[in-house]
Structure formats: C-alpha cells, structure tokens
Amino acid sequence: MRPLGIEGAWVLEPEVFPDDRGTFHEWYRGEELREATGHVLSLAQANCSLSRRGVLRGVHFCDVPPGQAKYVTCVRGAVLDVVVDVRVGSPAFGRWEAVRLDDTTRRAVFLAEGLGHAFMALTDDATVVYLCSTGYAPEHEHGVQALDPGLGITWPEHVRPVQSPKDAGAPSLAQAREAGLLPSYEVCTAHYERLRTGRPAQP
C-alpha cells in the first residue's frame, strides 16, 4: 500500500494473476493494512452499491468518535473515487484526491475515520464494495456537497452527475464548517492513537 497525498488515506495496487480461467488477486490483507497504515480495520459492516453511469455518491463522513474507516474497491465497471480532508485544523483541510477504481487494476482505497468519501460511476452497473469499521448510524452521518465550487473536485466533464436528493441538498464545505458539522483534526488524531494503542487518548 502507498499513502495518498492526504494523511489517513492509502491506495492498494494489488498484483493480479491472470490465467485461462480468469484472474485472482488478494484485495484485502489485514496485516498488510496494519503494517502500512498503523490502523486496524475492525470489520463491523460490509456494503455493496450498484450505480449507473453518472451516479455521484457523497461526500459522506461521520462524527468522530465513533467515526467510520472504510476500505473501498470496485468489483465491476469503474468509478472515480475521491477522498476529501474535512477535518478542521488539518494541514490538508479542504484538499481532495481522486483514484480510479475499476475491475482491471483492482485498486482499493483505505480512508481513516474523519475523512470524507465520494465516488462517481464511470460505467453502467459500476459495483462498489466497501468494508466499514463501524455500522451505519444515521445520527452520526453527515455530508458535504460534492459539486461545491469551493471544494473544486474535478469530476469527469463528459459524465452528467446524478445525485440523490439528500446528497444534492448537502451543505457546502464552508456551510458545514460554520454549522459545526465537521470533525476536528485534533480529535481525529487522538482517536487514531487510541485505536492503535487500545488506551484512552490523552486530552
């Protein structure tokens, strides 16, 4: 795994073994993830979403704590997967990084608690699966508008974005910050330390 430009996010570029039967690859190895990132992904929920071309999901993030780390890959078709640093006080606050996930390269992305996540389907029947460290808790879930000009994510120009009413109505990054919805970088880093050591974070 190699780190992305945003602290707390990594990409896996696995070796894919093809033969006359098809292909094989290891898309998740817990020990490799721990060694590369310092994080342990405690699996609490696994999700699968099917999207037609143009569907734009996110930017989603959770309160920290409890937070929700994610390990994401695309098993059919292709998506543009985007990690957004929404942690107030982070040196990379407001920055984003995009990775194409598809059924050829078999890349996967890991993002730690407190980071925002979004993706756009680049093909019909784009199928994304992701492992989550905590279960769905709507009272802790928030969103930022993925098309916010202030955020400036470069989505593919040739694909018309299709959003759910909830995602389309999400606040801008600035509005979410003003409303106190965004996680704190200081709280997030203390949370990461607590998860690594198994001890309460120091105030």
N, C-alpha and C. Protein backbone atom coordinates (compact mmCIF):
# COMPACT_ATOMS: atom_id res chain seq x y z
N MET A 1 0.85 -1.19 0.00
CA MET A 1 0.00 0.00 0.00
C MET A 1 0.89 1.24 0.00
N ARG A 2 0.42 2.28 -0.66
CA ARG A 2 1.16 3.54 -0.64
C ARG A 2 0.24 4.66 -0.17
N PRO A 3 0.79 5.63 0.56
CA PRO A 3 -0.04 6.72 1.04
C PRO A 3 -0.45 7.65 -0.08
N LEU A 4 -1.64 8.20 0.02
CA LEU A 4 -2.08 9.27 -0.87
C LEU A 4 -1.59 10.60 -0.30
N GLY A 5 -1.92 11.67 -0.98
CA GLY A 5 -1.46 12.99 -0.55
C GLY A 5 -2.19 13.54 0.65
N ILE A 6 -3.21 12.85 1.11
CA ILE A 6 -3.97 13.26 2.28
C ILE A 6 -3.66 12.31 3.41
N GLU A 7 -3.22 12.83 4.54
CA GLU A 7 -2.90 11.99 5.69
C GLU A 7 -4.11 11.17 6.10
N GLY A 8 -3.91 9.87 6.26
CA GLY A 8 -5.01 9.00 6.64
C GLY A 8 -5.64 8.26 5.49
N ALA A 9 -5.08 8.41 4.28
CA ALA A 9 -5.63 7.73 3.11
C ALA A 9 -4.51 7.00 2.37
N TRP A 10 -4.80 5.77 1.94
CA TRP A 10 -3.83 4.94 1.23
C TRP A 10 -4.52 4.25 0.06
N VAL A 11 -3.72 3.84 -0.92
CA VAL A 11 -4.25 3.07 -2.05
C VAL A 11 -3.48 1.76 -2.15
N LEU A 12 -4.21 0.67 -2.39
CA LEU A 12 -3.63 -0.64 -2.65
C LEU A 12 -3.65 -0.88 -4.15
N GLU A 13 -2.51 -1.27 -4.70
CA GLU A 13 -2.41 -1.63 -6.11
C GLU A 13 -1.95 -3.09 -6.16
N PRO A 14 -2.89 -4.03 -6.10
CA PRO A 14 -2.53 -5.44 -5.94
C PRO A 14 -1.96 -6.04 -7.22
N GLU A 15 -1.22 -7.10 -7.03
CA GLU A 15 -0.78 -7.88 -8.19
C GLU A 15 -1.93 -8.80 -8.59
N VAL A 16 -2.32 -8.73 -9.84
CA VAL A 16 -3.42 -9.55 -10.35
C VAL A 16 -2.82 -10.69 -11.18
N PHE A 17 -3.25 -11.91 -10.87
CA PHE A 17 -2.71 -13.10 -11.54
C PHE A 17 -3.73 -13.63 -12.55
N PRO A 18 -3.48 -13.44 -13.85
CA PRO A 18 -4.40 -13.95 -14.87
C PRO A 18 -3.97 -15.33 -15.37
N ASP A 19 -4.96 -16.14 -15.75
CA ASP A 19 -4.68 -17.36 -16.48
C ASP A 19 -5.89 -17.66 -17.36
N ASP A 20 -5.93 -18.85 -17.96
CA ASP A 20 -7.00 -19.13 -18.90
C ASP A 20 -8.37 -19.30 -18.23
N ARG A 21 -8.39 -19.33 -16.91
CA ARG A 21 -9.66 -19.42 -16.17
C ARG A 21 -10.22 -18.05 -15.81
N GLY A 22 -9.35 -17.04 -15.75
CA GLY A 22 -9.76 -15.70 -15.30
C GLY A 22 -8.61 -15.04 -14.56
N THR A 23 -8.91 -14.42 -13.43
CA THR A 23 -7.86 -13.76 -12.65
C THR A 23 -8.05 -14.04 -11.16
N PHE A 24 -6.97 -13.79 -10.41
CA PHE A 24 -7.02 -13.91 -8.96
C PHE A 24 -6.17 -12.80 -8.36
N HIS A 25 -6.67 -12.20 -7.27
CA HIS A 25 -5.85 -11.24 -6.53
C HIS A 25 -6.35 -11.17 -5.09
N GLU A 26 -5.47 -10.74 -4.21
CA GLU A 26 -5.82 -10.53 -2.81
C GLU A 26 -6.21 -9.07 -2.64
N TRP A 27 -7.49 -8.81 -2.42
CA TRP A 27 -7.92 -7.40 -2.39
C TRP A 27 -7.90 -6.81 -0.99
N TYR A 28 -7.75 -7.66 0.03
CA TYR A 28 -7.62 -7.14 1.39
C TYR A 28 -6.80 -8.10 2.23
N ARG A 29 -5.78 -7.57 2.91
CA ARG A 29 -4.99 -8.34 3.88
C ARG A 29 -4.84 -7.47 5.12
N GLY A 30 -5.44 -7.91 6.23
CA GLY A 30 -5.47 -7.11 7.44
C GLY A 30 -4.09 -6.77 7.98
N GLU A 31 -3.18 -7.74 7.95
CA GLU A 31 -1.84 -7.49 8.49
C GLU A 31 -1.08 -6.50 7.62
N GLU A 32 -1.22 -6.59 6.32
CA GLU A 32 -0.57 -5.64 5.41
C GLU A 32 -1.12 -4.23 5.63
N LEU A 33 -2.42 -4.13 5.82
CA LEU A 33 -3.03 -2.82 6.08
C LEU A 33 -2.47 -2.24 7.38
N ARG A 34 -2.40 -3.06 8.42
CA ARG A 34 -1.91 -2.57 9.71
C ARG A 34 -0.46 -2.11 9.61
N GLU A 35 0.37 -2.91 8.94
CA GLU A 35 1.78 -2.56 8.82
C GLU A 35 1.98 -1.29 8.00
N ALA A 36 1.20 -1.12 6.95
CA ALA A 36 1.38 0.04 6.07
C ALA A 36 0.80 1.31 6.65
N THR A 37 -0.32 1.20 7.35
CA THR A 37 -1.05 2.40 7.77
C THR A 37 -0.99 2.66 9.27
N GLY A 38 -0.72 1.63 10.05
CA GLY A 38 -0.79 1.79 11.51
C GLY A 38 -2.20 1.67 12.03
N HIS A 39 -3.15 1.42 11.15
CA HIS A 39 -4.56 1.29 11.53
C HIS A 39 -4.97 -0.18 11.50
N VAL A 40 -5.88 -0.54 12.38
CA VAL A 40 -6.50 -1.86 12.36
C VAL A 40 -7.96 -1.67 11.96
N LEU A 41 -8.37 -2.32 10.89
CA LEU A 41 -9.75 -2.20 10.45
C LEU A 41 -10.59 -3.27 11.13
N SER A 42 -11.35 -2.86 12.14
CA SER A 42 -12.26 -3.77 12.82
C SER A 42 -13.55 -3.84 12.01
N LEU A 43 -13.75 -4.93 11.32
CA LEU A 43 -14.89 -5.03 10.40
C LEU A 43 -16.20 -5.12 11.17
N ALA A 44 -17.08 -4.14 10.93
CA ALA A 44 -18.39 -4.13 11.56
C ALA A 44 -19.51 -4.23 10.53
N GLN A 45 -19.22 -3.83 9.28
CA GLN A 45 -20.26 -3.83 8.25
C GLN A 45 -19.60 -3.88 6.89
N ALA A 46 -20.23 -4.56 5.93
CA ALA A 46 -19.76 -4.60 4.55
C ALA A 46 -20.90 -4.16 3.64
N ASN A 47 -20.62 -3.20 2.77
CA ASN A 47 -21.65 -2.64 1.89
C ASN A 47 -21.33 -2.92 0.43
N CYS A 48 -22.38 -2.95 -0.38
CA CYS A 48 -22.23 -3.12 -1.83
C CYS A 48 -23.22 -2.18 -2.50
N SER A 49 -22.72 -1.32 -3.39
CA SER A 49 -23.62 -0.42 -4.11
C SER A 49 -23.46 -0.62 -5.61
N LEU A 50 -24.58 -0.57 -6.31
CA LEU A 50 -24.62 -0.70 -7.76
C LEU A 50 -25.12 0.64 -8.31
N SER A 51 -24.35 1.22 -9.23
CA SER A 51 -24.68 2.56 -9.74
C SER A 51 -24.60 2.59 -11.26
N ARG A 52 -25.54 3.30 -11.86
CA ARG A 52 -25.44 3.51 -13.30
C ARG A 52 -24.50 4.68 -13.57
N ARG A 53 -24.05 4.79 -14.80
CA ARG A 53 -23.08 5.82 -15.19
C ARG A 53 -23.58 7.22 -14.78
N GLY A 54 -22.71 7.95 -14.14
CA GLY A 54 -23.03 9.32 -13.74
C GLY A 54 -23.48 9.47 -12.31
N VAL A 55 -23.87 8.37 -11.67
CA VAL A 55 -24.32 8.47 -10.28
C VAL A 55 -23.15 8.95 -9.42
N LEU A 56 -23.45 9.97 -8.60
CA LEU A 56 -22.45 10.58 -7.74
C LEU A 56 -22.90 10.43 -6.29
N ARG A 57 -22.14 9.69 -5.51
CA ARG A 57 -22.48 9.42 -4.11
C ARG A 57 -21.48 10.13 -3.21
N GLY A 58 -21.99 10.85 -2.22
CA GLY A 58 -21.12 11.57 -1.28
C GLY A 58 -21.13 13.07 -1.56
N VAL A 59 -20.32 13.79 -0.84
CA VAL A 59 -19.24 13.43 0.07
C VAL A 59 -19.82 13.08 1.44
N HIS A 60 -19.53 11.88 1.94
CA HIS A 60 -20.05 11.43 3.22
C HIS A 60 -18.94 11.32 4.26
N PHE A 61 -19.27 11.61 5.50
CA PHE A 61 -18.33 11.42 6.61
C PHE A 61 -19.14 11.26 7.89
N CYS A 62 -18.46 10.81 8.94
CA CYS A 62 -19.14 10.57 10.22
C CYS A 62 -18.49 11.37 11.34
N ASP A 63 -19.27 11.60 12.40
CA ASP A 63 -18.72 12.20 13.61
C ASP A 63 -17.58 11.34 14.14
N VAL A 64 -16.60 11.99 14.73
CA VAL A 64 -15.50 11.27 15.40
C VAL A 64 -15.40 11.76 16.84
N PRO A 65 -15.50 10.83 17.82
CA PRO A 65 -15.92 9.44 17.65
C PRO A 65 -17.42 9.35 17.35
N PRO A 66 -17.93 8.22 16.86
CA PRO A 66 -17.23 6.95 16.67
C PRO A 66 -16.41 6.88 15.39
N GLY A 67 -16.77 7.69 14.38
CA GLY A 67 -16.06 7.63 13.12
C GLY A 67 -16.36 6.35 12.36
N GLN A 68 -15.92 6.34 11.10
CA GLN A 68 -16.07 5.12 10.29
C GLN A 68 -14.95 5.07 9.26
N ALA A 69 -13.98 4.17 9.48
CA ALA A 69 -12.95 3.93 8.48
C ALA A 69 -13.55 3.06 7.38
N LYS A 70 -13.05 3.24 6.14
CA LYS A 70 -13.57 2.48 5.01
C LYS A 70 -12.44 1.92 4.17
N TYR A 71 -12.69 0.74 3.60
CA TYR A 71 -11.78 0.12 2.65
C TYR A 71 -12.62 -0.19 1.42
N VAL A 72 -12.31 0.45 0.30
CA VAL A 72 -13.22 0.52 -0.84
C VAL A 72 -12.57 -0.04 -2.10
N THR A 73 -13.33 -0.82 -2.88
CA THR A 73 -12.86 -1.27 -4.18
C THR A 73 -14.04 -1.38 -5.13
N CYS A 74 -13.76 -1.46 -6.41
CA CYS A 74 -14.80 -1.59 -7.44
C CYS A 74 -14.64 -2.95 -8.10
N VAL A 75 -15.64 -3.80 -7.97
CA VAL A 75 -15.53 -5.17 -8.49
C VAL A 75 -16.12 -5.33 -9.88
N ARG A 76 -16.84 -4.32 -10.35
CA ARG A 76 -17.38 -4.37 -11.72
C ARG A 76 -17.47 -2.95 -12.25
N GLY A 77 -16.98 -2.74 -13.48
CA GLY A 77 -17.03 -1.42 -14.07
C GLY A 77 -15.94 -0.52 -13.51
N ALA A 78 -16.24 0.78 -13.41
CA ALA A 78 -15.23 1.74 -12.96
C ALA A 78 -15.90 2.92 -12.27
N VAL A 79 -15.20 3.46 -11.27
CA VAL A 79 -15.64 4.67 -10.59
C VAL A 79 -14.44 5.58 -10.38
N LEU A 80 -14.72 6.86 -10.22
CA LEU A 80 -13.71 7.81 -9.76
C LEU A 80 -13.96 7.99 -8.27
N ASP A 81 -13.04 7.48 -7.46
CA ASP A 81 -13.17 7.51 -6.01
C ASP A 81 -12.41 8.70 -5.46
N VAL A 82 -13.05 9.46 -4.57
CA VAL A 82 -12.45 10.71 -4.08
C VAL A 82 -12.43 10.73 -2.56
N VAL A 83 -11.26 11.04 -2.00
CA VAL A 83 -11.08 11.25 -0.57
C VAL A 83 -10.95 12.75 -0.34
N VAL A 84 -11.70 13.27 0.64
CA VAL A 84 -11.68 14.69 0.95
C VAL A 84 -11.31 14.89 2.41
N ASP A 85 -10.37 15.79 2.67
CA ASP A 85 -9.99 16.09 4.05
C ASP A 85 -10.94 17.15 4.59
N VAL A 86 -11.89 16.71 5.41
CA VAL A 86 -12.87 17.63 6.00
C VAL A 86 -12.57 17.87 7.48
N ARG A 87 -11.37 17.50 7.93
CA ARG A 87 -11.00 17.63 9.34
C ARG A 87 -10.51 19.05 9.61
N VAL A 88 -11.26 19.80 10.37
CA VAL A 88 -10.90 21.19 10.68
C VAL A 88 -9.60 21.21 11.47
N GLY A 89 -8.65 21.99 10.98
CA GLY A 89 -7.34 22.07 11.62
C GLY A 89 -6.28 21.22 10.95
N SER A 90 -6.68 20.37 10.01
CA SER A 90 -5.73 19.54 9.29
C SER A 90 -4.91 20.41 8.34
N PRO A 91 -3.62 20.11 8.18
CA PRO A 91 -2.81 20.84 7.19
C PRO A 91 -3.36 20.72 5.77
N ALA A 92 -4.11 19.66 5.53
CA ALA A 92 -4.67 19.43 4.18
C ALA A 92 -6.16 19.72 4.14
N PHE A 93 -6.69 20.49 5.09
CA PHE A 93 -8.13 20.75 5.13
C PHE A 93 -8.62 21.30 3.79
N GLY A 94 -9.70 20.71 3.29
CA GLY A 94 -10.30 21.16 2.04
C GLY A 94 -9.68 20.54 0.80
N ARG A 95 -8.58 19.81 0.96
CA ARG A 95 -7.96 19.16 -0.19
C ARG A 95 -8.65 17.84 -0.50
N TRP A 96 -8.54 17.40 -1.74
CA TRP A 96 -9.12 16.13 -2.16
C TRP A 96 -8.12 15.40 -3.06
N GLU A 97 -8.31 14.10 -3.17
CA GLU A 97 -7.50 13.30 -4.08
C GLU A 97 -8.38 12.22 -4.69
N ALA A 98 -8.21 12.02 -5.99
CA ALA A 98 -9.04 11.06 -6.72
C ALA A 98 -8.22 9.87 -7.18
N VAL A 99 -8.84 8.69 -7.13
CA VAL A 99 -8.23 7.45 -7.60
C VAL A 99 -9.28 6.71 -8.43
N ARG A 100 -8.90 6.28 -9.62
CA ARG A 100 -9.81 5.45 -10.42
C ARG A 100 -9.77 4.02 -9.88
N LEU A 101 -10.94 3.51 -9.52
CA LEU A 101 -11.08 2.12 -9.10
C LEU A 101 -11.84 1.38 -10.19
N ASP A 102 -11.34 0.24 -10.61
CA ASP A 102 -12.01 -0.48 -11.69
C ASP A 102 -11.75 -1.97 -11.60
N ASP A 103 -12.39 -2.72 -12.50
CA ASP A 103 -12.30 -4.18 -12.46
C ASP A 103 -11.12 -4.71 -13.28
N THR A 104 -10.19 -3.81 -13.63
CA THR A 104 -8.98 -4.22 -14.33
C THR A 104 -7.76 -4.11 -13.42
N THR A 105 -7.53 -2.92 -12.88
CA THR A 105 -6.38 -2.72 -11.99
C THR A 105 -6.64 -3.29 -10.60
N ARG A 106 -7.92 -3.34 -10.20
CA ARG A 106 -8.34 -3.87 -8.90
C ARG A 106 -7.79 -3.07 -7.72
N ARG A 107 -7.56 -1.78 -7.92
CA ARG A 107 -7.10 -0.94 -6.82
C ARG A 107 -8.15 -0.89 -5.71
N ALA A 108 -7.68 -0.57 -4.51
CA ALA A 108 -8.56 -0.35 -3.37
C ALA A 108 -8.04 0.86 -2.60
N VAL A 109 -8.93 1.55 -1.93
CA VAL A 109 -8.57 2.73 -1.15
C VAL A 109 -8.98 2.53 0.30
N PHE A 110 -8.08 2.86 1.21
CA PHE A 110 -8.40 2.89 2.64
C PHE A 110 -8.41 4.32 3.11
N LEU A 111 -9.48 4.71 3.84
CA LEU A 111 -9.52 6.05 4.43
C LEU A 111 -9.90 5.95 5.89
N ALA A 112 -9.15 6.68 6.71
CA ALA A 112 -9.34 6.66 8.15
C ALA A 112 -10.57 7.45 8.56
N GLU A 113 -10.96 7.26 9.82
CA GLU A 113 -12.11 7.97 10.38
C GLU A 113 -11.92 9.48 10.24
N GLY A 114 -13.01 10.18 9.92
CA GLY A 114 -12.97 11.63 9.83
C GLY A 114 -12.75 12.17 8.44
N LEU A 115 -12.34 11.33 7.50
CA LEU A 115 -12.16 11.78 6.12
C LEU A 115 -13.47 11.65 5.36
N GLY A 116 -13.68 12.53 4.39
CA GLY A 116 -14.87 12.47 3.55
C GLY A 116 -14.64 11.56 2.36
N HIS A 117 -15.72 10.94 1.88
CA HIS A 117 -15.62 9.98 0.79
C HIS A 117 -16.74 10.19 -0.21
N ALA A 118 -16.38 10.11 -1.49
CA ALA A 118 -17.37 10.22 -2.57
C ALA A 118 -16.88 9.41 -3.75
N PHE A 119 -17.80 9.04 -4.63
CA PHE A 119 -17.38 8.43 -5.89
C PHE A 119 -18.43 8.67 -6.96
N MET A 120 -17.95 8.71 -8.21
CA MET A 120 -18.83 8.82 -9.38
C MET A 120 -18.67 7.58 -10.24
N ALA A 121 -19.79 7.00 -10.65
CA ALA A 121 -19.76 5.84 -11.53
C ALA A 121 -19.40 6.28 -12.95
N LEU A 122 -18.38 5.67 -13.50
CA LEU A 122 -17.93 5.98 -14.86
C LEU A 122 -18.51 5.03 -15.89
N THR A 123 -19.13 3.94 -15.43
CA THR A 123 -19.74 2.95 -16.31
C THR A 123 -21.09 2.55 -15.74
N ASP A 124 -21.92 1.98 -16.57
CA ASP A 124 -23.16 1.40 -16.07
C ASP A 124 -22.84 0.15 -15.25
N ASP A 125 -23.69 -0.11 -14.27
CA ASP A 125 -23.50 -1.28 -13.40
C ASP A 125 -22.19 -1.24 -12.64
N ALA A 126 -21.70 -0.05 -12.32
CA ALA A 126 -20.49 0.07 -11.50
C ALA A 126 -20.81 -0.45 -10.10
N THR A 127 -20.08 -1.45 -9.67
CA THR A 127 -20.36 -2.12 -8.40
C THR A 127 -19.20 -1.88 -7.44
N VAL A 128 -19.50 -1.19 -6.35
CA VAL A 128 -18.50 -0.83 -5.34
C VAL A 128 -18.81 -1.60 -4.07
N VAL A 129 -17.78 -2.22 -3.50
CA VAL A 129 -17.93 -2.88 -2.21
C VAL A 129 -16.97 -2.21 -1.23
N TYR A 130 -17.43 -2.05 0.00
CA TYR A 130 -16.54 -1.45 0.99
C TYR A 130 -16.78 -2.02 2.37
N LEU A 131 -15.65 -2.18 3.07
CA LEU A 131 -15.65 -2.67 4.44
C LEU A 131 -15.64 -1.46 5.37
N CYS A 132 -16.42 -1.53 6.43
CA CYS A 132 -16.56 -0.39 7.35
C CYS A 132 -16.21 -0.81 8.77
N SER A 133 -15.54 0.08 9.49
CA SER A 133 -15.10 -0.22 10.85
C SER A 133 -16.23 -0.11 11.87
N THR A 134 -17.28 0.62 11.53
CA THR A 134 -18.45 0.74 12.40
C THR A 134 -19.71 0.60 11.55
N GLY A 135 -20.82 0.25 12.18
CA GLY A 135 -22.08 0.11 11.46
C GLY A 135 -22.72 1.45 11.13
N TYR A 136 -23.69 1.41 10.26
CA TYR A 136 -24.41 2.62 9.86
C TYR A 136 -25.14 3.22 11.05
N ALA A 137 -24.89 4.49 11.30
CA ALA A 137 -25.53 5.22 12.40
C ALA A 137 -25.96 6.58 11.87
N PRO A 138 -27.20 6.69 11.40
CA PRO A 138 -27.64 7.92 10.73
C PRO A 138 -27.48 9.18 11.57
N GLU A 139 -27.54 9.03 12.91
CA GLU A 139 -27.42 10.21 13.76
C GLU A 139 -25.99 10.78 13.75
N HIS A 140 -25.02 9.99 13.27
CA HIS A 140 -23.63 10.45 13.22
C HIS A 140 -23.17 10.77 11.80
N GLU A 141 -24.01 10.53 10.81
CA GLU A 141 -23.59 10.69 9.41
C GLU A 141 -23.90 12.09 8.91
N HIS A 142 -22.96 12.64 8.13
CA HIS A 142 -23.12 13.97 7.55
C HIS A 142 -22.64 13.95 6.11
N GLY A 143 -22.91 15.04 5.42
CA GLY A 143 -22.46 15.14 4.03
C GLY A 143 -22.07 16.55 3.66
N VAL A 144 -21.25 16.64 2.63
CA VAL A 144 -20.87 17.91 2.01
C VAL A 144 -21.16 17.78 0.53
N GLN A 145 -21.62 18.87 -0.07
CA GLN A 145 -21.98 18.86 -1.48
C GLN A 145 -20.76 18.55 -2.35
N ALA A 146 -20.83 17.44 -3.09
CA ALA A 146 -19.71 17.01 -3.93
C ALA A 146 -19.44 17.96 -5.09
N LEU A 147 -20.43 18.77 -5.45
CA LEU A 147 -20.28 19.73 -6.55
C LEU A 147 -19.99 21.14 -6.05
N ASP A 148 -19.67 21.27 -4.77
CA ASP A 148 -19.35 22.57 -4.17
C ASP A 148 -18.19 23.22 -4.91
N PRO A 149 -18.40 24.39 -5.53
CA PRO A 149 -17.30 25.06 -6.25
C PRO A 149 -16.13 25.39 -5.33
N GLY A 150 -16.42 25.64 -4.05
CA GLY A 150 -15.36 25.94 -3.10
C GLY A 150 -14.45 24.76 -2.85
N LEU A 151 -15.01 23.56 -2.99
CA LEU A 151 -14.23 22.34 -2.84
C LEU A 151 -13.46 22.05 -4.12
N GLY A 152 -14.13 22.27 -5.24
CA GLY A 152 -13.46 22.22 -6.54
C GLY A 152 -13.01 20.84 -7.00
N ILE A 153 -13.76 19.80 -6.66
CA ILE A 153 -13.41 18.47 -7.15
C ILE A 153 -13.57 18.43 -8.67
N THR A 154 -12.58 17.90 -9.36
CA THR A 154 -12.63 17.82 -10.82
C THR A 154 -13.29 16.50 -11.22
N TRP A 155 -14.60 16.54 -11.41
CA TRP A 155 -15.31 15.37 -11.89
C TRP A 155 -15.22 15.29 -13.41
N PRO A 156 -15.34 14.11 -14.00
CA PRO A 156 -15.24 13.99 -15.46
C PRO A 156 -16.24 14.90 -16.18
N GLU A 157 -15.76 15.66 -17.12
CA GLU A 157 -16.62 16.62 -17.83
C GLU A 157 -17.64 15.93 -18.72
N HIS A 158 -17.34 14.73 -19.17
CA HIS A 158 -18.20 14.05 -20.14
C HIS A 158 -19.30 13.22 -19.47
N VAL A 159 -19.37 13.27 -18.13
CA VAL A 159 -20.37 12.49 -17.40
C VAL A 159 -21.28 13.44 -16.63
N ARG A 160 -22.60 13.32 -16.84
CA ARG A 160 -23.54 14.18 -16.13
C ARG A 160 -23.81 13.59 -14.75
N PRO A 161 -23.53 14.37 -13.70
CA PRO A 161 -23.71 13.83 -12.34
C PRO A 161 -25.18 13.64 -11.98
N VAL A 162 -25.47 12.52 -11.35
CA VAL A 162 -26.81 12.19 -10.86
C VAL A 162 -26.71 11.98 -9.35
N GLN A 163 -27.36 12.84 -8.56
CA GLN A 163 -27.28 12.78 -7.11
C GLN A 163 -28.62 12.44 -6.49
N SER A 164 -28.58 11.85 -5.32
CA SER A 164 -29.80 11.65 -4.54
C SER A 164 -30.25 13.01 -4.01
N PRO A 165 -31.54 13.15 -3.67
CA PRO A 165 -32.00 14.42 -3.08
C PRO A 165 -31.20 14.80 -1.83
N LYS A 166 -30.84 13.80 -1.04
CA LYS A 166 -30.07 14.08 0.18
C LYS A 166 -28.70 14.63 -0.15
N ASP A 167 -27.99 14.00 -1.09
CA ASP A 167 -26.66 14.48 -1.45
C ASP A 167 -26.73 15.83 -2.16
N ALA A 168 -27.74 16.01 -3.01
CA ALA A 168 -27.88 17.28 -3.73
C ALA A 168 -28.16 18.43 -2.77
N GLY A 169 -28.80 18.14 -1.65
CA GLY A 169 -29.14 19.17 -0.68
C GLY A 169 -28.11 19.36 0.41
N ALA A 170 -26.97 18.66 0.31
CA ALA A 170 -25.94 18.77 1.35
C ALA A 170 -25.32 20.16 1.33
N PRO A 171 -24.84 20.64 2.47
CA PRO A 171 -24.23 21.97 2.54
C PRO A 171 -22.86 22.00 1.86
N SER A 172 -22.40 23.19 1.56
CA SER A 172 -21.03 23.36 1.07
C SER A 172 -20.07 23.08 2.22
N LEU A 173 -18.81 22.97 1.89
CA LEU A 173 -17.81 22.74 2.94
C LEU A 173 -17.81 23.91 3.93
N ALA A 174 -17.89 25.11 3.42
CA ALA A 174 -17.90 26.29 4.29
C ALA A 174 -19.13 26.31 5.18
N GLN A 175 -20.28 25.96 4.64
CA GLN A 175 -21.52 25.94 5.43
C GLN A 175 -21.46 24.86 6.50
N ALA A 176 -20.91 23.69 6.14
CA ALA A 176 -20.79 22.60 7.11
C ALA A 176 -19.84 22.99 8.24
N ARG A 177 -18.78 23.70 7.91
CA ARG A 177 -17.85 24.16 8.95
C ARG A 177 -18.52 25.18 9.86
N GLU A 178 -19.23 26.11 9.28
CA GLU A 178 -19.91 27.13 10.07
C GLU A 178 -20.95 26.51 10.99
N ALA A 179 -21.60 25.43 10.54
CA ALA A 179 -22.63 24.76 11.33
C ALA A 179 -22.04 23.82 12.37
N GLY A 180 -20.73 23.66 12.39
CA GLY A 180 -20.09 22.79 13.37
C GLY A 180 -20.24 21.32 13.07
N LEU A 181 -20.44 20.96 11.81
CA LEU A 181 -20.67 19.56 11.43
C LEU A 181 -19.38 18.79 11.17
N LEU A 182 -18.29 19.50 10.93
CA LEU A 182 -17.06 18.83 10.51
C LEU A 182 -16.26 18.32 11.70
N PRO A 183 -15.57 17.19 11.51
CA PRO A 183 -14.75 16.66 12.60
C PRO A 183 -13.49 17.50 12.80
N SER A 184 -12.95 17.44 13.99
CA SER A 184 -11.73 18.15 14.33
C SER A 184 -10.52 17.27 14.05
N TYR A 185 -9.50 17.85 13.45
CA TYR A 185 -8.26 17.11 13.18
C TYR A 185 -7.62 16.64 14.48
N GLU A 186 -7.63 17.48 15.48
CA GLU A 186 -7.05 17.13 16.77
C GLU A 186 -7.77 15.94 17.40
N VAL A 187 -9.10 15.98 17.35
CA VAL A 187 -9.88 14.87 17.90
C VAL A 187 -9.65 13.60 17.09
N CYS A 188 -9.55 13.73 15.77
CA CYS A 188 -9.32 12.56 14.91
C CYS A 188 -7.98 11.92 15.20
N THR A 189 -6.92 12.70 15.30
CA THR A 189 -5.60 12.13 15.55
C THR A 189 -5.55 11.46 16.93
N ALA A 190 -6.23 12.05 17.91
CA ALA A 190 -6.30 11.41 19.23
C ALA A 190 -7.08 10.09 19.14
N HIS A 191 -8.11 10.08 18.32
CA HIS A 191 -8.90 8.87 18.12
C HIS A 191 -8.05 7.78 17.47
N TYR A 192 -7.24 8.15 16.45
CA TYR A 192 -6.37 7.17 15.80
C TYR A 192 -5.39 6.57 16.81
N GLU A 193 -4.84 7.42 17.68
CA GLU A 193 -3.88 6.94 18.67
C GLU A 193 -4.55 5.98 19.65
N ARG A 194 -5.77 6.30 20.04
CA ARG A 194 -6.48 5.41 20.95
C ARG A 194 -6.73 4.06 20.29
N LEU A 195 -7.10 4.05 19.02
CA LEU A 195 -7.35 2.80 18.32
C LEU A 195 -6.06 1.98 18.17
N ARG A 196 -4.94 2.67 17.92
CA ARG A 196 -3.66 1.97 17.75
C ARG A 196 -3.18 1.33 19.04
N THR A 197 -3.34 2.05 20.13
CA THR A 197 -2.77 1.59 21.41
C THR A 197 -3.74 0.85 22.27
N GLY A 198 -5.04 1.03 22.02
CA GLY A 198 -6.05 0.42 22.87
C GLY A 198 -6.23 1.14 24.20
N ARG A 199 -5.60 2.33 24.29
CA ARG A 199 -5.72 3.13 25.53
C ARG A 199 -6.49 4.40 25.22
N PRO A 200 -7.10 5.00 26.24
CA PRO A 200 -7.78 6.28 26.02
C PRO A 200 -6.81 7.34 25.55
N ALA A 201 -7.28 8.17 24.62
CA ALA A 201 -6.42 9.26 24.13
C ALA A 201 -6.25 10.32 25.21
N GLN A 202 -5.05 10.92 25.24
CA GLN A 202 -4.79 11.99 26.20
C GLN A 202 -5.48 13.26 25.74
N PRO A 203 -6.04 14.04 26.65
CA PRO A 203 -6.70 15.29 26.27
C PRO A 203 -5.70 16.30 25.73
